[in-house]
PDB file of N, CA and C in Angstrom:
ATOM      1  N   MET A   1       0.810  -1.190   0.029  1.00  0.00           N
ATOM      2  CA  MET A   1      -0.041  -0.060  -0.009  1.00  0.00           C
ATOM      3  C   MET A   1       0.885   1.256  -0.002  1.00  0.00           C
ATOM      4  N   SER A   2       0.402   2.209  -0.713  1.00  0.00           N
ATOM      5  CA  SER A   2       1.116   3.478  -0.704  1.00  0.00           C
ATOM      6  C   SER A   2       0.257   4.554  -0.034  1.00  0.00           C
ATOM      7  N   ARG A   3       1.040   5.444   0.597  1.00  0.00           N
ATOM      8  CA  ARG A   3       0.346   6.554   1.307  1.00  0.00           C
ATOM      9  C   ARG A   3       0.203   7.689   0.336  1.00  0.00           C
ATOM     10  N   GLY A   4      -0.870   8.458   0.668  1.00  0.00           N
ATOM     11  CA  GLY A   4      -1.088   9.692  -0.118  1.00  0.00           C
ATOM     12  C   GLY A   4      -0.068  10.799   0.182  1.00  0.00           C
ATOM     13  N   GLY A   5       0.029  11.756  -0.647  1.00  0.00           N
ATOM     14  CA  GLY A   5       1.017  12.830  -0.428  1.00  0.00           C
ATOM     15  C   GLY A   5       0.795  13.563   0.778  1.00  0.00           C
ATOM     16  N   ALA A   6      -0.458  13.857   1.229  1.00  0.00           N
ATOM     17  CA  ALA A   6      -0.736  14.566   2.429  1.00  0.00           C
ATOM     18  C   ALA A   6      -0.351  13.814   3.689  1.00  0.00           C
ATOM     19  N   ALA A   7      -0.544  12.556   3.773  1.00  0.00           N
ATOM     20  CA  ALA A   7      -0.302  11.793   4.939  1.00  0.00           C
ATOM     21  C   ALA A   7       1.115  11.734   5.278  1.00  0.00           C
ATOM     22  N   GLY A   8       2.064  11.753   4.343  1.00  0.00           N
ATOM     23  CA  GLY A   8       3.498  11.604   4.651  1.00  0.00           C
ATOM     24  C   GLY A   8       4.118  13.002   4.828  1.00  0.00           C
ATOM     25  N   GLY A   9       3.420  14.048   4.791  1.00  0.00           N
ATOM     26  CA  GLY A   9       3.951  15.415   4.883  1.00  0.00           C
ATOM     27  C   GLY A   9       4.262  15.873   6.269  1.00  0.00           C
ATOM     28  N   VAL A  10       4.690  17.087   6.410  1.00  0.00           N
ATOM     29  CA  VAL A  10       5.072  17.644   7.713  1.00  0.00           C
ATOM     30  C   VAL A  10       3.765  18.114   8.412  1.00  0.00           C
ATOM     31  N   ARG A  11       3.726  17.783   9.665  1.00  0.00           N
ATOM     32  CA  ARG A  11       2.569  18.115  10.469  1.00  0.00           C
ATOM     33  C   ARG A  11       2.658  19.604  10.919  1.00  0.00           C
ATOM     34  N   GLY A  12       1.527  20.239  11.082  1.00  0.00           N
ATOM     35  CA  GLY A  12       1.497  21.555  11.702  1.00  0.00           C
ATOM     36  C   GLY A  12       1.539  22.649  10.608  1.00  0.00           C
ATOM     37  N   GLY A  13       2.081  22.444   9.453  1.00  0.00           N
ATOM     38  CA  GLY A  13       2.026  23.380   8.408  1.00  0.00           C
ATOM     39  C   GLY A  13       3.047  24.560   8.698  1.00  0.00           C
ATOM     40  N   LYS A  14       2.541  25.797   8.766  1.00  0.00           N
ATOM     41  CA  LYS A  14       3.332  26.962   8.888  1.00  0.00           C
ATOM     42  C   LYS A  14       3.674  27.314  10.342  1.00  0.00           C
ATOM     43  N   LYS A  15       4.767  28.046  10.620  1.00  0.00           N
ATOM     44  CA  LYS A  15       5.057  28.527  11.887  1.00  0.00           C
ATOM     45  C   LYS A  15       4.248  29.747  12.213  1.00  0.00           C
ATOM     46  N   LYS A  16       3.886  29.903  13.494  1.00  0.00           N
ATOM     47  CA  LYS A  16       3.135  31.065  13.842  1.00  0.00           C
ATOM     48  C   LYS A  16       4.007  32.114  14.514  1.00  0.00           C
ATOM     49  N   GLY A  17       4.053  33.310  13.930  1.00  0.00           N
ATOM     50  CA  GLY A  17       4.776  34.388  14.475  1.00  0.00           C
ATOM     51  C   GLY A  17       3.920  35.138  15.520  1.00  0.00           C
ATOM     52  N   SER A  18       4.559  35.845  16.454  1.00  0.00           N
ATOM     53  CA  SER A  18       3.872  36.582  17.473  1.00  0.00           C
ATOM     54  C   SER A  18       4.612  37.787  17.836  1.00  0.00           C
ATOM     55  N   THR A  19       3.863  38.815  18.246  1.00  0.00           N
ATOM     56  CA  THR A  19       4.394  40.112  18.684  1.00  0.00           C
ATOM     57  C   THR A  19       3.777  40.452  19.974  1.00  0.00           C
ATOM     58  N   PHE A  20       4.563  40.710  21.035  1.00  0.00           N
ATOM     59  CA  PHE A  20       4.110  40.976  22.277  1.00  0.00           C
ATOM     60  C   PHE A  20       4.651  42.373  22.760  1.00  0.00           C
ATOM     61  N   THR A  21       3.848  43.193  23.472  1.00  0.00           N
ATOM     62  CA  THR A  21       4.384  44.426  23.974  1.00  0.00           C
ATOM     63  C   THR A  21       4.249  44.628  25.428  1.00  0.00           C
ATOM     64  N   ILE A  22       5.246  45.205  26.103  1.00  0.00           N
ATOM     65  CA  ILE A  22       5.220  45.496  27.564  1.00  0.00           C
ATOM     66  C   ILE A  22       5.162  47.005  27.658  1.00  0.00           C
ATOM     67  N   ASP A  23       3.995  47.509  28.182  1.00  0.00           N
ATOM     68  CA  ASP A  23       3.842  48.922  28.428  1.00  0.00           C
ATOM     69  C   ASP A  23       4.292  49.366  29.769  1.00  0.00           C
ATOM     70  N   CYS A  24       5.428  50.097  29.791  1.00  0.00           N
ATOM     71  CA  CYS A  24       5.975  50.495  31.099  1.00  0.00           C
ATOM     72  C   CYS A  24       5.877  51.954  31.289  1.00  0.00           C
ATOM     73  N   SER A  25       4.824  52.592  30.781  1.00  0.00           N
ATOM     74  CA  SER A  25       4.710  54.074  30.847  1.00  0.00           C
ATOM     75  C   SER A  25       4.638  54.623  32.285  1.00  0.00           C
ATOM     76  N   ASN A  26       3.795  53.938  33.143  1.00  0.00           N
ATOM     77  CA  ASN A  26       3.600  54.515  34.460  1.00  0.00           C
ATOM     78  C   ASN A  26       4.885  54.533  35.313  1.00  0.00           C
ATOM     79  N   PRO A  27       5.606  53.345  35.454  1.00  0.00           N
ATOM     80  CA  PRO A  27       6.826  53.449  36.289  1.00  0.00           C
ATOM     81  C   PRO A  27       8.013  54.202  35.609  1.00  0.00           C
ATOM     82  N   VAL A  28       8.050  54.300  34.332  1.00  0.00           N
ATOM     83  CA  VAL A  28       9.097  55.000  33.689  1.00  0.00           C
ATOM     84  C   VAL A  28       8.917  56.520  33.877  1.00  0.00           C
ATOM     85  N   GLU A  29       7.700  56.997  33.748  1.00  0.00           N
ATOM     86  CA  GLU A  29       7.372  58.376  33.957  1.00  0.00           C
ATOM     87  C   GLU A  29       7.591  58.807  35.399  1.00  0.00           C
ATOM     88  N   ASP A  30       7.384  57.894  36.378  1.00  0.00           N
ATOM     89  CA  ASP A  30       7.636  58.198  37.772  1.00  0.00           C
ATOM     90  C   ASP A  30       9.119  57.993  38.157  1.00  0.00           C
ATOM     91  N   LYS A  31       9.928  57.539  37.249  1.00  0.00           N
ATOM     92  CA  LYS A  31      11.353  57.234  37.403  1.00  0.00           C
ATOM     93  C   LYS A  31      11.586  56.148  38.392  1.00  0.00           C
ATOM     94  N   ILE A  32      10.747  55.194  38.476  1.00  0.00           N
ATOM     95  CA  ILE A  32      10.942  54.024  39.368  1.00  0.00           C
ATOM     96  C   ILE A  32      11.870  52.946  38.709  1.00  0.00           C
ATOM     97  N   MET A  33      11.733  52.834  37.364  1.00  0.00           N
ATOM     98  CA  MET A  33      12.532  51.834  36.714  1.00  0.00           C
ATOM     99  C   MET A  33      13.080  52.457  35.393  1.00  0.00           C
ATOM    100  N   ASP A  34      14.119  51.847  34.930  1.00  0.00           N
ATOM    101  CA  ASP A  34      14.772  52.199  33.616  1.00  0.00           C
ATOM    102  C   ASP A  34      14.366  51.238  32.579  1.00  0.00           C
ATOM    103  N   ILE A  35      13.780  51.719  31.510  1.00  0.00           N
ATOM    104  CA  ILE A  35      13.362  50.830  30.416  1.00  0.00           C
ATOM    105  C   ILE A  35      14.506  50.193  29.696  1.00  0.00           C
ATOM    106  N   ALA A  36      15.671  50.829  29.569  1.00  0.00           N
ATOM    107  CA  ALA A  36      16.795  50.299  28.906  1.00  0.00           C
ATOM    108  C   ALA A  36      17.290  49.020  29.664  1.00  0.00           C
ATOM    109  N   SER A  37      17.212  49.060  30.971  1.00  0.00           N
ATOM    110  CA  SER A  37      17.720  47.828  31.707  1.00  0.00           C
ATOM    111  C   SER A  37      16.725  46.718  31.586  1.00  0.00           C
ATOM    112  N   LEU A  38      15.431  46.972  31.461  1.00  0.00           N
ATOM    113  CA  LEU A  38      14.469  45.821  31.187  1.00  0.00           C
ATOM    114  C   LEU A  38      14.747  45.239  29.806  1.00  0.00           C
ATOM    115  N   GLU A  39      15.006  46.157  28.756  1.00  0.00           N
ATOM    116  CA  GLU A  39      15.319  45.588  27.480  1.00  0.00           C
ATOM    117  C   GLU A  39      16.569  44.699  27.507  1.00  0.00           C
ATOM    118  N   LYS A  40      17.582  45.171  28.173  1.00  0.00           N
ATOM    119  CA  LYS A  40      18.851  44.382  28.250  1.00  0.00           C
ATOM    120  C   LYS A  40      18.640  43.064  29.021  1.00  0.00           C
ATOM    121  N   PHE A  41      17.886  43.081  30.075  1.00  0.00           N
ATOM    122  CA  PHE A  41      17.509  41.899  30.850  1.00  0.00           C
ATOM    123  C   PHE A  41      16.793  40.926  29.986  1.00  0.00           C
ATOM    124  N   LEU A  42      15.818  41.348  29.217  1.00  0.00           N
ATOM    125  CA  LEU A  42      15.141  40.408  28.287  1.00  0.00           C
ATOM    126  C   LEU A  42      16.028  39.813  27.255  1.00  0.00           C
ATOM    127  N   GLN A  43      16.930  40.567  26.682  1.00  0.00           N
ATOM    128  CA  GLN A  43      17.821  40.201  25.681  1.00  0.00           C
ATOM    129  C   GLN A  43      18.752  39.134  26.204  1.00  0.00           C
ATOM    130  N   GLU A  44      19.174  39.292  27.511  1.00  0.00           N
ATOM    131  CA  GLU A  44      20.107  38.338  28.100  1.00  0.00           C
ATOM    132  C   GLU A  44      19.445  37.081  28.546  1.00  0.00           C
ATOM    133  N   ARG A  45      18.179  37.154  28.964  1.00  0.00           N
ATOM    134  CA  ARG A  45      17.445  36.018  29.669  1.00  0.00           C
ATOM    135  C   ARG A  45      16.588  35.144  28.785  1.00  0.00           C
ATOM    136  N   ILE A  46      16.199  35.714  27.574  1.00  0.00           N
ATOM    137  CA  ILE A  46      15.218  34.883  26.809  1.00  0.00           C
ATOM    138  C   ILE A  46      15.839  33.704  26.286  1.00  0.00           C
ATOM    139  N   LYS A  47      15.182  32.565  26.456  1.00  0.00           N
ATOM    140  CA  LYS A  47      15.740  31.172  26.005  1.00  0.00           C
ATOM    141  C   LYS A  47      15.096  30.956  24.718  1.00  0.00           C
ATOM    142  N   VAL A  48      15.898  30.517  23.725  1.00  0.00           N
ATOM    143  CA  VAL A  48      15.368  30.040  22.417  1.00  0.00           C
ATOM    144  C   VAL A  48      16.081  28.698  22.189  1.00  0.00           C
ATOM    145  N   GLY A  49      15.320  27.644  22.090  1.00  0.00           N
ATOM    146  CA  GLY A  49      15.867  26.279  21.886  1.00  0.00           C
ATOM    147  C   GLY A  49      16.693  25.844  23.047  1.00  0.00           C
ATOM    148  N   GLY A  50      16.364  26.280  24.259  1.00  0.00           N
ATOM    149  CA  GLY A  50      17.004  25.841  25.499  1.00  0.00           C
ATOM    150  C   GLY A  50      18.359  26.591  25.757  1.00  0.00           C
ATOM    151  N   LYS A  51      18.648  27.549  24.960  1.00  0.00           N
ATOM    152  CA  LYS A  51      19.887  28.278  25.137  1.00  0.00           C
ATOM    153  C   LYS A  51      19.631  29.733  25.527  1.00  0.00           C
ATOM    154  N   VAL A  52      20.193  30.217  26.636  1.00  0.00           N
ATOM    155  CA  VAL A  52      20.040  31.560  27.028  1.00  0.00           C
ATOM    156  C   VAL A  52      20.955  32.557  26.314  1.00  0.00           C
ATOM    157  N   GLY A  53      20.325  33.660  25.899  1.00  0.00           N
ATOM    158  CA  GLY A  53      21.082  34.710  25.259  1.00  0.00           C
ATOM    159  C   GLY A  53      21.134  34.562  23.747  1.00  0.00           C
ATOM    160  N   ALA A  54      20.948  33.335  23.152  1.00  0.00           N
ATOM    161  CA  ALA A  54      21.005  33.157  21.745  1.00  0.00           C
ATOM    162  C   ALA A  54      19.539  33.411  21.167  1.00  0.00           C
ATOM    163  N   LEU A  55      19.223  34.649  20.864  1.00  0.00           N
ATOM    164  CA  LEU A  55      17.835  35.060  20.550  1.00  0.00           C
ATOM    165  C   LEU A  55      17.310  34.376  19.284  1.00  0.00           C
ATOM    166  N   GLY A  56      18.135  34.089  18.330  1.00  0.00           N
ATOM    167  CA  GLY A  56      17.775  33.539  17.126  1.00  0.00           C
ATOM    168  C   GLY A  56      16.680  34.292  16.313  1.00  0.00           C
ATOM    169  N   ASP A  57      15.461  33.812  16.243  1.00  0.00           N
ATOM    170  CA  ASP A  57      14.406  34.532  15.502  1.00  0.00           C
ATOM    171  C   ASP A  57      13.580  35.439  16.331  1.00  0.00           C
ATOM    172  N   VAL A  58      14.020  35.766  17.562  1.00  0.00           N
ATOM    173  CA  VAL A  58      13.367  36.622  18.497  1.00  0.00           C
ATOM    174  C   VAL A  58      14.048  38.005  18.561  1.00  0.00           C
ATOM    175  N   SER A  59      13.331  39.071  18.438  1.00  0.00           N
ATOM    176  CA  SER A  59      13.957  40.368  18.526  1.00  0.00           C
ATOM    177  C   SER A  59      13.281  41.176  19.649  1.00  0.00           C
ATOM    178  N   VAL A  60      14.100  41.981  20.321  1.00  0.00           N
ATOM    179  CA  VAL A  60      13.562  42.867  21.446  1.00  0.00           C
ATOM    180  C   VAL A  60      13.937  44.290  21.044  1.00  0.00           C
ATOM    181  N   ALA A  61      12.850  45.142  20.904  1.00  0.00           N
ATOM    182  CA  ALA A  61      12.926  46.531  20.540  1.00  0.00           C
ATOM    183  C   ALA A  61      12.276  47.408  21.580  1.00  0.00           C
ATOM    184  N   ARG A  62      12.790  48.640  21.672  1.00  0.00           N
ATOM    185  CA  ARG A  62      12.205  49.627  22.656  1.00  0.00           C
ATOM    186  C   ARG A  62      11.770  50.849  21.875  1.00  0.00           C
ATOM    187  N   ASP A  63      10.546  51.310  22.283  1.00  0.00           N
ATOM    188  CA  ASP A  63       9.932  52.531  21.793  1.00  0.00           C
ATOM    189  C   ASP A  63       9.471  53.402  22.988  1.00  0.00           C
ATOM    190  N   LYS A  64      10.182  54.406  23.286  1.00  0.00           N
ATOM    191  CA  LYS A  64       9.872  55.317  24.339  1.00  0.00           C
ATOM    192  C   LYS A  64       9.616  54.544  25.634  1.00  0.00           C
ATOM    193  N   ASN A  65       8.326  54.316  25.970  1.00  0.00           N
ATOM    194  CA  ASN A  65       7.924  53.598  27.202  1.00  0.00           C
ATOM    195  C   ASN A  65       7.447  52.207  26.940  1.00  0.00           C
ATOM    196  N   LYS A  66       7.680  51.622  25.808  1.00  0.00           N
ATOM    197  CA  LYS A  66       7.192  50.291  25.457  1.00  0.00           C
ATOM    198  C   LYS A  66       8.327  49.443  24.986  1.00  0.00           C
ATOM    199  N   ILE A  67       8.221  48.085  25.297  1.00  0.00           N
ATOM    200  CA  ILE A  67       9.164  47.138  24.813  1.00  0.00           C
ATOM    201  C   ILE A  67       8.431  46.173  23.956  1.00  0.00           C
ATOM    202  N   THR A  68       8.908  45.895  22.748  1.00  0.00           N
ATOM    203  CA  THR A  68       8.243  44.972  21.843  1.00  0.00           C
ATOM    204  C   THR A  68       9.078  43.715  21.575  1.00  0.00           C
ATOM    205  N   VAL A  69       8.520  42.576  21.760  1.00  0.00           N
ATOM    206  CA  VAL A  69       9.155  41.315  21.502  1.00  0.00           C
ATOM    207  C   VAL A  69       8.596  40.703  20.255  1.00  0.00           C
ATOM    208  N   ILE A  70       9.273  40.486  19.250  1.00  0.00           N
ATOM    209  CA  ILE A  70       8.814  39.961  17.951  1.00  0.00           C
ATOM    210  C   ILE A  70       9.456  38.607  17.701  1.00  0.00           C
ATOM    211  N   SER A  71       8.655  37.588  17.458  1.00  0.00           N
ATOM    212  CA  SER A  71       9.108  36.278  17.255  1.00  0.00           C
ATOM    213  C   SER A  71       8.558  35.737  16.003  1.00  0.00           C
ATOM    214  N   ASP A  72       9.393  35.033  15.100  1.00  0.00           N
ATOM    215  CA  ASP A  72       8.981  34.399  13.917  1.00  0.00           C
ATOM    216  C   ASP A  72       8.346  33.033  14.214  1.00  0.00           C
ATOM    217  N   SER A  73       8.804  32.379  15.314  1.00  0.00           N
ATOM    218  CA  SER A  73       8.347  31.089  15.624  1.00  0.00           C
ATOM    219  C   SER A  73       7.373  31.247  16.867  1.00  0.00           C
ATOM    220  N   ASP A  74       6.994  30.095  17.455  1.00  0.00           N
ATOM    221  CA  ASP A  74       6.101  30.160  18.658  1.00  0.00           C
ATOM    222  C   ASP A  74       6.845  30.774  19.789  1.00  0.00           C
ATOM    223  N   PHE A  75       6.146  31.660  20.464  1.00  0.00           N
ATOM    224  CA  PHE A  75       6.750  32.270  21.677  1.00  0.00           C
ATOM    225  C   PHE A  75       5.645  32.488  22.699  1.00  0.00           C
ATOM    226  N   SER A  76       5.935  32.098  23.965  1.00  0.00           N
ATOM    227  CA  SER A  76       4.874  32.067  24.962  1.00  0.00           C
ATOM    228  C   SER A  76       4.747  33.447  25.626  1.00  0.00           C
ATOM    229  N   LYS A  77       3.506  33.881  25.655  1.00  0.00           N
ATOM    230  CA  LYS A  77       3.174  35.246  26.319  1.00  0.00           C
ATOM    231  C   LYS A  77       3.409  35.009  27.795  1.00  0.00           C
ATOM    232  N   ARG A  78       3.063  33.858  28.300  1.00  0.00           N
ATOM    233  CA  ARG A  78       3.312  33.569  29.772  1.00  0.00           C
ATOM    234  C   ARG A  78       4.783  33.660  30.085  1.00  0.00           C
ATOM    235  N   TYR A  79       5.692  33.212  29.306  1.00  0.00           N
ATOM    236  CA  TYR A  79       7.066  33.264  29.469  1.00  0.00           C
ATOM    237  C   TYR A  79       7.605  34.634  29.577  1.00  0.00           C
ATOM    238  N   LEU A  80       7.009  35.556  28.733  1.00  0.00           N
ATOM    239  CA  LEU A  80       7.398  36.930  28.735  1.00  0.00           C
ATOM    240  C   LEU A  80       6.932  37.611  30.132  1.00  0.00           C
ATOM    241  N   LYS A  81       5.746  37.230  30.609  1.00  0.00           N
ATOM    242  CA  LYS A  81       5.233  37.736  31.897  1.00  0.00           C
ATOM    243  C   LYS A  81       6.217  37.192  33.015  1.00  0.00           C
ATOM    244  N   TYR A  82       6.625  35.955  32.965  1.00  0.00           N
ATOM    245  CA  TYR A  82       7.521  35.382  33.941  1.00  0.00           C
ATOM    246  C   TYR A  82       8.802  36.160  34.017  1.00  0.00           C
ATOM    247  N   LEU A  83       9.475  36.525  32.851  1.00  0.00           N
ATOM    248  CA  LEU A  83      10.687  37.223  32.839  1.00  0.00           C
ATOM    249  C   LEU A  83      10.462  38.571  33.314  1.00  0.00           C
ATOM    250  N   THR A  84       9.421  39.231  33.041  1.00  0.00           N
ATOM    251  CA  THR A  84       9.111  40.607  33.511  1.00  0.00           C
ATOM    252  C   THR A  84       9.039  40.647  35.051  1.00  0.00           C
ATOM    253  N   LYS A  85       8.311  39.638  35.591  1.00  0.00           N
ATOM    254  CA  LYS A  85       8.189  39.594  37.025  1.00  0.00           C
ATOM    255  C   LYS A  85       9.512  39.309  37.732  1.00  0.00           C
ATOM    256  N   LYS A  86      10.377  38.529  37.033  1.00  0.00           N
ATOM    257  CA  LYS A  86      11.705  38.147  37.592  1.00  0.00           C
ATOM    258  C   LYS A  86      12.515  39.487  37.533  1.00  0.00           C
ATOM    259  N   TYR A  87      12.396  40.330  36.562  1.00  0.00           N
ATOM    260  CA  TYR A  87      13.035  41.615  36.494  1.00  0.00           C
ATOM    261  C   TYR A  87      12.636  42.484  37.639  1.00  0.00           C
ATOM    262  N   LEU A  88      11.314  42.583  37.873  1.00  0.00           N
ATOM    263  CA  LEU A  88      10.746  43.419  38.957  1.00  0.00           C
ATOM    264  C   LEU A  88      11.225  42.938  40.363  1.00  0.00           C
ATOM    265  N   LYS A  89      11.391  41.679  40.459  1.00  0.00           N
ATOM    266  CA  LYS A  89      11.882  41.135  41.742  1.00  0.00           C
ATOM    267  C   LYS A  89      13.348  41.478  41.960  1.00  0.00           C
ATOM    268  N   LYS A  90      14.102  41.355  40.892  1.00  0.00           N
ATOM    269  CA  LYS A  90      15.496  41.547  40.926  1.00  0.00           C
ATOM    270  C   LYS A  90      15.827  43.020  41.409  1.00  0.00           C
ATOM    271  N   TYR A  91      15.044  44.014  40.945  1.00  0.00           N
ATOM    272  CA  TYR A  91      15.284  45.434  41.224  1.00  0.00           C
ATOM    273  C   TYR A  91      14.319  45.911  42.408  1.00  0.00           C
ATOM    274  N   ASN A  92      13.768  44.941  43.158  1.00  0.00           N
ATOM    275  CA  ASN A  92      12.943  45.182  44.308  1.00  0.00           C
ATOM    276  C   ASN A  92      11.822  46.207  44.119  1.00  0.00           C
ATOM    277  N   VAL A  93      11.172  46.124  43.031  1.00  0.00           N
ATOM    278  CA  VAL A  93       9.934  46.885  42.799  1.00  0.00           C
ATOM    279  C   VAL A  93       8.760  46.032  42.588  1.00  0.00           C
ATOM    280  N   ARG A  94       8.893  44.728  42.786  1.00  0.00           N
ATOM    281  CA  ARG A  94       7.773  43.798  42.714  1.00  0.00           C
ATOM    282  C   ARG A  94       6.694  44.036  43.769  1.00  0.00           C
ATOM    283  N   ASP A  95       7.076  44.626  44.896  1.00  0.00           N
ATOM    284  CA  ASP A  95       5.979  44.951  45.905  1.00  0.00           C
ATOM    285  C   ASP A  95       5.109  46.038  45.484  1.00  0.00           C
ATOM    286  N   TRP A  96       5.489  46.918  44.501  1.00  0.00           N
ATOM    287  CA  TRP A  96       4.707  48.043  44.115  1.00  0.00           C
ATOM    288  C   TRP A  96       4.082  47.879  42.780  1.00  0.00           C
ATOM    289  N   LEU A  97       4.698  47.071  41.865  1.00  0.00           N
ATOM    290  CA  LEU A  97       4.140  46.969  40.531  1.00  0.00           C
ATOM    291  C   LEU A  97       3.683  45.582  40.191  1.00  0.00           C
ATOM    292  N   ARG A  98       2.774  45.451  39.312  1.00  0.00           N
ATOM    293  CA  ARG A  98       2.358  44.163  38.907  1.00  0.00           C
ATOM    294  C   ARG A  98       2.203  44.100  37.361  1.00  0.00           C
ATOM    295  N   VAL A  99       2.238  42.962  36.821  1.00  0.00           N
ATOM    296  CA  VAL A  99       2.202  42.755  35.333  1.00  0.00           C
ATOM    297  C   VAL A  99       0.850  42.172  35.079  1.00  0.00           C
ATOM    298  N   ILE A 100       0.017  42.972  34.271  1.00  0.00           N
ATOM    299  CA  ILE A 100      -1.304  42.526  33.889  1.00  0.00           C
ATOM    300  C   ILE A 100      -1.509  42.624  32.363  1.00  0.00           C
ATOM    301  N   ALA A 101      -2.433  41.893  31.872  1.00  0.00           N
ATOM    302  CA  ALA A 101      -2.757  41.911  30.473  1.00  0.00           C
ATOM    303  C   ALA A 101      -3.759  43.129  30.262  1.00  0.00           C
ATOM    304  N   ALA A 102      -3.504  43.850  29.202  1.00  0.00           N
ATOM    305  CA  ALA A 102      -4.391  44.977  28.859  1.00  0.00           C
ATOM    306  C   ALA A 102      -5.755  44.510  28.437  1.00  0.00           C
ATOM    307  N   ASN A 103      -6.788  45.285  28.739  1.00  0.00           N
ATOM    308  CA  ASN A 103      -8.069  44.926  28.292  1.00  0.00           C
ATOM    309  C   ASN A 103      -8.264  45.158  26.796  1.00  0.00           C
ATOM    310  N   LYS A 104      -7.652  46.089  26.221  1.00  0.00           N
ATOM    311  CA  LYS A 104      -7.847  46.443  24.839  1.00  0.00           C
ATOM    312  C   LYS A 104      -7.304  45.388  23.863  1.00  0.00           C
ATOM    313  N   ASP A 105      -6.019  44.967  24.148  1.00  0.00           N
ATOM    314  CA  ASP A 105      -5.348  44.098  23.150  1.00  0.00           C
ATOM    315  C   ASP A 105      -4.725  42.927  23.990  1.00  0.00           C
ATOM    316  N   ARG A 106      -4.943  41.790  23.549  1.00  0.00           N
ATOM    317  CA  ARG A 106      -4.508  40.577  24.235  1.00  0.00           C
ATOM    318  C   ARG A 106      -3.036  40.341  24.115  1.00  0.00           C
ATOM    319  N   ASN A 107      -2.274  41.026  23.297  1.00  0.00           N
ATOM    320  CA  ASN A 107      -0.849  40.801  23.138  1.00  0.00           C
ATOM    321  C   ASN A 107      -0.078  41.908  23.879  1.00  0.00           C
ATOM    322  N   VAL A 108      -0.731  42.605  24.813  1.00  0.00           N
ATOM    323  CA  VAL A 108      -0.079  43.707  25.477  1.00  0.00           C
ATOM    324  C   VAL A 108      -0.135  43.440  26.962  1.00  0.00           C
ATOM    325  N   TYR A 109       1.025  43.568  27.674  1.00  0.00           N
ATOM    326  CA  TYR A 109       1.120  43.550  29.034  1.00  0.00           C
ATOM    327  C   TYR A 109       1.366  44.976  29.576  1.00  0.00           C
ATOM    328  N   GLU A 110       0.804  45.353  30.714  1.00  0.00           N
ATOM    329  CA  GLU A 110       1.019  46.637  31.290  1.00  0.00           C
ATOM    330  C   GLU A 110       1.594  46.470  32.719  1.00  0.00           C
ATOM    331  N   LEU A 111       2.481  47.346  33.071  1.00  0.00           N
ATOM    332  CA  LEU A 111       2.994  47.374  34.437  1.00  0.00           C
ATOM    333  C   LEU A 111       2.179  48.472  35.153  1.00  0.00           C
ATOM    334  N   ARG A 112       1.414  48.013  36.154  1.00  0.00           N
ATOM    335  CA  ARG A 112       0.614  48.904  36.946  1.00  0.00           C
ATOM    336  C   ARG A 112       0.931  48.804  38.432  1.00  0.00           C
ATOM    337  N   TYR A 113       0.515  49.901  39.139  1.00  0.00           N
ATOM    338  CA  TYR A 113       0.768  49.952  40.576  1.00  0.00           C
ATOM    339  C   TYR A 113      -0.286  49.090  41.199  1.00  0.00           C
ATOM    340  N   PHE A 114      -0.022  48.492  42.388  1.00  0.00           N
ATOM    341  CA  PHE A 114      -1.028  47.884  43.194  1.00  0.00           C
ATOM    342  C   PHE A 114      -1.853  48.903  43.793  1.00  0.00           C
ATOM    343  N   ASN A 115      -3.202  48.742  43.926  1.00  0.00           N
ATOM    344  CA  ASN A 115      -4.118  49.643  44.561  1.00  0.00           C
ATOM    345  C   ASN A 115      -4.135  49.429  46.030  1.00  0.00           C
ATOM    346  N   ILE A 116      -3.384  50.211  46.804  1.00  0.00           N
ATOM    347  CA  ILE A 116      -3.267  49.999  48.248  1.00  0.00           C
ATOM    348  C   ILE A 116      -4.188  51.104  48.935  1.00  0.00           C
ATOM    349  N   VAL A 117      -5.211  50.577  49.701  1.00  0.00           N
ATOM    350  CA  VAL A 117      -6.103  51.484  50.329  1.00  0.00           C
ATOM    351  C   VAL A 117      -6.027  51.113  51.907  1.00  0.00           C
ATOM    352  N   GLU A 118      -5.700  52.137  52.635  1.00  0.00           N
ATOM    353  CA  GLU A 118      -5.522  51.915  54.065  1.00  0.00           C
ATOM    354  C   GLU A 118      -6.842  52.184  54.752  1.00  0.00           C
ATOM    355  N   ASN A 119      -7.316  51.195  55.585  1.00  0.00           N
ATOM    356  CA  ASN A 119      -8.514  51.349  56.330  1.00  0.00           C
ATOM    357  C   ASN A 119      -8.139  51.678  57.736  1.00  0.00           C
ATOM    358  N   GLU A 120      -8.103  53.008  57.974  1.00  0.00           N
ATOM    359  CA  GLU A 120      -7.706  53.505  59.278  1.00  0.00           C
ATOM    360  C   GLU A 120      -8.857  53.340  60.280  1.00  0.00           C
ATOM    361  N   GLY A 121     -10.079  53.589  59.935  1.00  0.00           N
ATOM    362  CA  GLY A 121     -11.226  53.550  60.884  1.00  0.00           C
ATOM    363  C   GLY A 121     -11.849  52.202  61.115  1.00  0.00           C
ATOM    364  N   GLU A 122     -11.431  51.205  60.323  1.00  0.00           N
ATOM    365  CA  GLU A 122     -12.127  49.946  60.447  1.00  0.00           C
ATOM    366  C   GLU A 122     -11.322  48.838  61.140  1.00  0.00           C
ATOM    367  N   GLU A 123     -10.304  49.211  61.925  1.00  0.00           N
ATOM    368  CA  GLU A 123      -9.469  48.203  62.652  1.00  0.00           C
ATOM    369  C   GLU A 123     -10.273  47.771  63.862  1.00  0.00           C
ATOM    370  N   GLU A 124     -10.208  46.413  64.061  1.00  0.00           N
ATOM    371  CA  GLU A 124     -10.870  45.851  65.215  1.00  0.00           C
ATOM    372  C   GLU A 124      -9.783  45.501  66.180  1.00  0.00           C
ATOM    373  N   GLU A 125     -10.238  45.629  67.461  1.00  0.00           N
ATOM    374  CA  GLU A 125      -9.272  45.381  68.611  1.00  0.00           C
ATOM    375  C   GLU A 125      -9.584  44.024  69.295  1.00  0.00           C
TER     376      GLU A 125
END
């Protein structure tokens, strides 16, 4: 028996490219963090094919208060969030900032402040 041409082909078809953005406008305007150091951190830490630093088909670019990560192959949005949180922890700003997905676009992460409300009159003894 011989197989058809489609059955013996490559599975999956084409590679899926992805573009993700990290919006750092709030902390950069307040001078809490430096966006150039986040860009450098991502370039040094992103793993492609199990190797750190060898970006391959992944590029990291910076535009004013935003960092854009462009990949020609599959790239995990969750991995980008993990690396961003690791950066915040390294520079001790994780207690004040959080990484959340934007409501408008699903490929955008934003760095926002935690909403801290002190309840002075509601304390129980």
